[in-house]
Amino acid sequence: MSVVKVVEIIASSDKGFEDAVQNAVTQAAKTIKNIDSVYVKHAKCHVKDGRVITYGVNCKISFRVE
């Protein structure tokens, strides 16, 4: 039987949502092993002068506990 833990991470990117999710996983992987999945809970953009300047995501990252 495996035990799975979930942490919530907020990440952003100036390139797009996919890059923001990858940033979340990359940062989490620095200290968390056995990452299995990512659930994007919320996605949002920041706008300045009528243009999107950053993309943000709230992610739930699941990983197996050893």
Protein backbone atom coordinates (compact mmCIF):
# COMPACT_ATOMS: atom_id res chain seq x y z
CA MET A 1 0.00 0.00 0.00
CA SER A 2 1.31 3.45 -0.84
CA VAL A 3 0.61 6.73 0.88
CA VAL A 4 0.15 9.86 -1.23
CA LYS A 5 0.58 13.39 0.02
CA VAL A 6 -0.67 16.57 -1.69
CA VAL A 7 0.86 20.04 -1.49
CA GLU A 8 -0.52 23.22 -3.03
CA ILE A 9 1.85 25.46 -4.96
CA ILE A 10 1.31 28.81 -6.69
CA ALA A 11 3.51 29.52 -9.71
CA SER A 12 3.67 31.99 -12.56
CA SER A 13 5.22 32.62 -15.95
CA ASP A 14 5.37 35.39 -18.49
CA LYS A 15 5.21 32.81 -21.32
CA GLY A 16 1.96 30.89 -20.68
CA PHE A 17 -0.02 28.51 -18.49
CA GLU A 18 1.95 25.42 -19.53
CA ASP A 19 5.19 27.12 -18.52
CA ALA A 20 3.66 28.19 -15.20
CA VAL A 21 2.72 24.56 -14.44
CA GLN A 22 6.21 23.41 -15.42
CA ASN A 23 7.70 26.04 -13.11
CA ALA A 24 5.60 24.67 -10.24
CA VAL A 25 6.77 21.10 -10.89
CA THR A 26 10.41 22.13 -11.38
CA GLN A 27 10.51 24.01 -8.09
CA ALA A 28 8.66 21.29 -6.17
CA ALA A 29 10.97 18.60 -7.56
CA LYS A 30 13.94 20.32 -5.92
CA THR A 31 12.75 19.11 -2.51
CA ILE A 32 10.01 16.55 -3.23
CA LYS A 33 10.63 13.07 -4.65
CA ASN A 34 8.17 10.71 -6.38
CA ILE A 35 5.88 13.37 -7.90
CA ASP A 36 3.02 11.53 -9.61
CA SER A 37 0.59 14.16 -10.81
CA VAL A 38 -0.40 17.81 -10.94
CA TYR A 39 -3.96 19.12 -10.69
CA VAL A 40 -4.42 22.73 -11.80
CA LYS A 41 -6.93 24.10 -9.33
CA HIS A 42 -7.07 27.70 -10.63
CA ALA A 43 -5.60 29.63 -13.51
CA LYS A 44 -5.43 33.41 -13.79
CA CYS A 45 -3.72 36.20 -15.72
CA HIS A 46 -2.44 39.59 -14.71
CA VAL A 47 -3.18 42.34 -17.21
CA LYS A 48 -1.49 45.71 -17.70
CA ASP A 49 -2.48 48.29 -20.30
CA GLY A 50 -4.84 45.83 -21.99
CA ARG A 51 -2.21 43.07 -22.38
CA VAL A 52 -1.61 39.86 -20.45
CA ILE A 53 1.72 40.21 -18.65
CA THR A 54 1.81 37.07 -16.46
CA TYR A 55 0.03 33.73 -16.25
CA GLY A 56 -0.53 32.16 -12.84
CA VAL A 57 -1.65 28.75 -11.61
CA ASN A 58 -2.58 27.22 -8.28
CA CYS A 59 -1.52 23.57 -8.48
CA LYS A 60 -2.02 20.57 -6.26
CA ILE A 61 1.02 18.32 -6.61
CA SER A 62 0.67 14.68 -5.52
CA PHE A 63 3.58 12.50 -4.53
CA ARG A 64 4.16 9.09 -2.97
CA VAL A 65 5.56 9.06 0.55
CA GLU A 66 8.42 6.62 1.06
